[in-house]
Every structure is written in structure tokens, then in C-alpha cells.
Amino acid sequence: MALPSQPITLTADQIAELNRKLATMRHDINNQLSLIMAAVELIHYKPETGERMMAMLIEQPPKISAALIQFSNEFEQCMGITRP
């Protein structure tokens, strides 16, 4: 990973946009984690729902990973960080 060799300057609009994207990512990940917790609790109290809930559980980690990767890429681009 190559970091910028000179200081970078961000405008107030760029900082606001990064903050908005970070807030959106936090919100989305929190929702996905809430779904996981709800499904686990439902399986705990109603084991017969396990098969149906497993499909939903399996979908969540890739969504979380995709959100983190997307924000990371946007952050690195904004900061001038490059990957080999």
C-alpha cells in the first residue's frame, strides 16, 4: 500500500461526504448484525425455524464485507492511497 508522500487537503464537502458514507456503512452493518441476532434468538426459541433462518444468516456476512470494502476503497481513493 502506497501512502501519499505529501500532505493532502480535503474540502469541507469531501469530509462531509466521507462522514455521510461512514454513517451509512455503520447503519447498514448495524442492521445486518441486528438481523443475525434476531435470527439466532428465533432459532433458539423456535428451533423449527432454523432452516429458514439459516438462509438469511448466510446472506449477512458477504453484505457486511461488501460494505466495508466499498467504504475502504472510497476512503483510499479520497486520501490518495494506492494498492500495488
Protein backbone atom coordinates (compact mmCIF):
# COMPACT_ATOMS: atom_id res chain seq x y z
CA MET A 1 0.00 0.00 0.00
CA ALA A 2 1.45 3.32 -1.04
CA LEU A 3 0.60 6.34 1.07
CA PRO A 4 0.76 9.86 -0.31
CA SER A 5 4.23 11.39 0.04
CA GLN A 6 2.82 14.90 0.54
CA PRO A 7 0.11 16.19 2.86
CA ILE A 8 -3.35 16.05 1.34
CA THR A 9 -6.07 18.62 1.65
CA LEU A 10 -9.72 17.73 1.84
CA THR A 11 -12.50 20.22 1.36
CA ALA A 12 -15.30 20.51 3.87
CA ASP A 13 -17.56 18.89 1.24
CA GLN A 14 -15.20 15.92 0.87
CA ILE A 15 -15.06 15.42 4.62
CA ALA A 16 -18.85 15.68 4.83
CA GLU A 17 -19.21 13.10 2.05
CA LEU A 18 -16.81 10.68 3.76
CA ASN A 19 -18.70 11.16 7.01
CA ARG A 20 -22.02 10.50 5.25
CA LYS A 21 -20.63 7.32 3.69
CA LEU A 22 -19.24 6.18 7.04
CA ALA A 23 -22.58 6.81 8.75
CA THR A 24 -24.40 4.88 6.02
CA MET A 25 -21.96 1.97 6.34
CA ARG A 26 -22.36 1.90 10.15
CA HIS A 27 -26.15 1.95 9.80
CA ASP A 28 -26.18 -0.84 7.20
CA ILE A 29 -23.81 -3.05 9.16
CA ASN A 30 -25.78 -2.48 12.36
CA ASN A 31 -28.96 -3.54 10.54
CA GLN A 32 -27.30 -6.68 9.22
CA LEU A 33 -25.94 -7.58 12.67
CA SER A 34 -29.41 -6.99 14.14
CA LEU A 35 -30.85 -9.44 11.62
CA ILE A 36 -28.26 -12.01 12.65
CA MET A 37 -29.07 -11.57 16.34
CA ALA A 38 -32.83 -11.77 15.71
CA ALA A 39 -32.44 -14.94 13.64
CA VAL A 40 -30.26 -16.58 16.30
CA GLU A 41 -32.78 -15.72 19.02
CA LEU A 42 -35.64 -17.04 16.90
CA ILE A 43 -33.76 -20.29 16.26
CA HIS A 44 -33.05 -20.55 19.99
CA TYR A 45 -36.72 -20.20 20.96
CA LYS A 46 -38.24 -21.89 17.91
CA PRO A 47 -35.77 -24.46 16.58
CA GLU A 48 -38.21 -25.39 13.81
CA THR A 49 -37.39 -22.04 12.14
CA GLY A 50 -33.72 -22.95 11.86
CA GLU A 51 -33.67 -23.97 8.22
CA ARG A 52 -35.50 -20.84 7.09
CA MET A 53 -33.35 -18.54 9.25
CA MET A 54 -30.09 -20.12 8.10
CA ALA A 55 -30.63 -18.81 4.57
CA MET A 56 -30.96 -15.28 5.92
CA LEU A 57 -27.96 -15.72 8.23
CA ILE A 58 -25.74 -16.90 5.39
CA GLU A 59 -26.52 -13.75 3.35
CA GLN A 60 -25.37 -11.27 6.00
CA PRO A 61 -21.55 -11.70 6.24
CA PRO A 62 -20.98 -11.07 2.50
CA LYS A 63 -23.14 -7.93 2.72
CA ILE A 64 -21.11 -6.67 5.67
CA SER A 65 -17.84 -7.45 3.91
CA ALA A 66 -19.01 -5.68 0.74
CA ALA A 67 -19.94 -2.54 2.70
CA LEU A 68 -16.53 -2.46 4.39
CA ILE A 69 -14.69 -2.99 1.11
CA GLN A 70 -16.70 -0.28 -0.66
CA PHE A 71 -16.04 2.29 2.07
CA SER A 72 -12.38 1.31 2.29
CA ASN A 73 -11.95 1.76 -1.47
CA GLU A 74 -13.67 5.15 -1.42
CA PHE A 75 -11.63 6.25 1.60
CA GLU A 76 -8.34 5.18 0.00
CA GLN A 77 -9.25 6.94 -3.24
CA CYS A 78 -10.10 10.15 -1.40
CA MET A 79 -6.88 10.00 0.62
CA GLY A 80 -4.68 9.15 -2.37
CA ILE A 81 -3.77 5.72 -1.04
CA THR A 82 -2.88 3.22 -3.75
CA ARG A 83 -2.52 -0.53 -3.70
CA PRO A 84 0.09 -2.39 -5.76
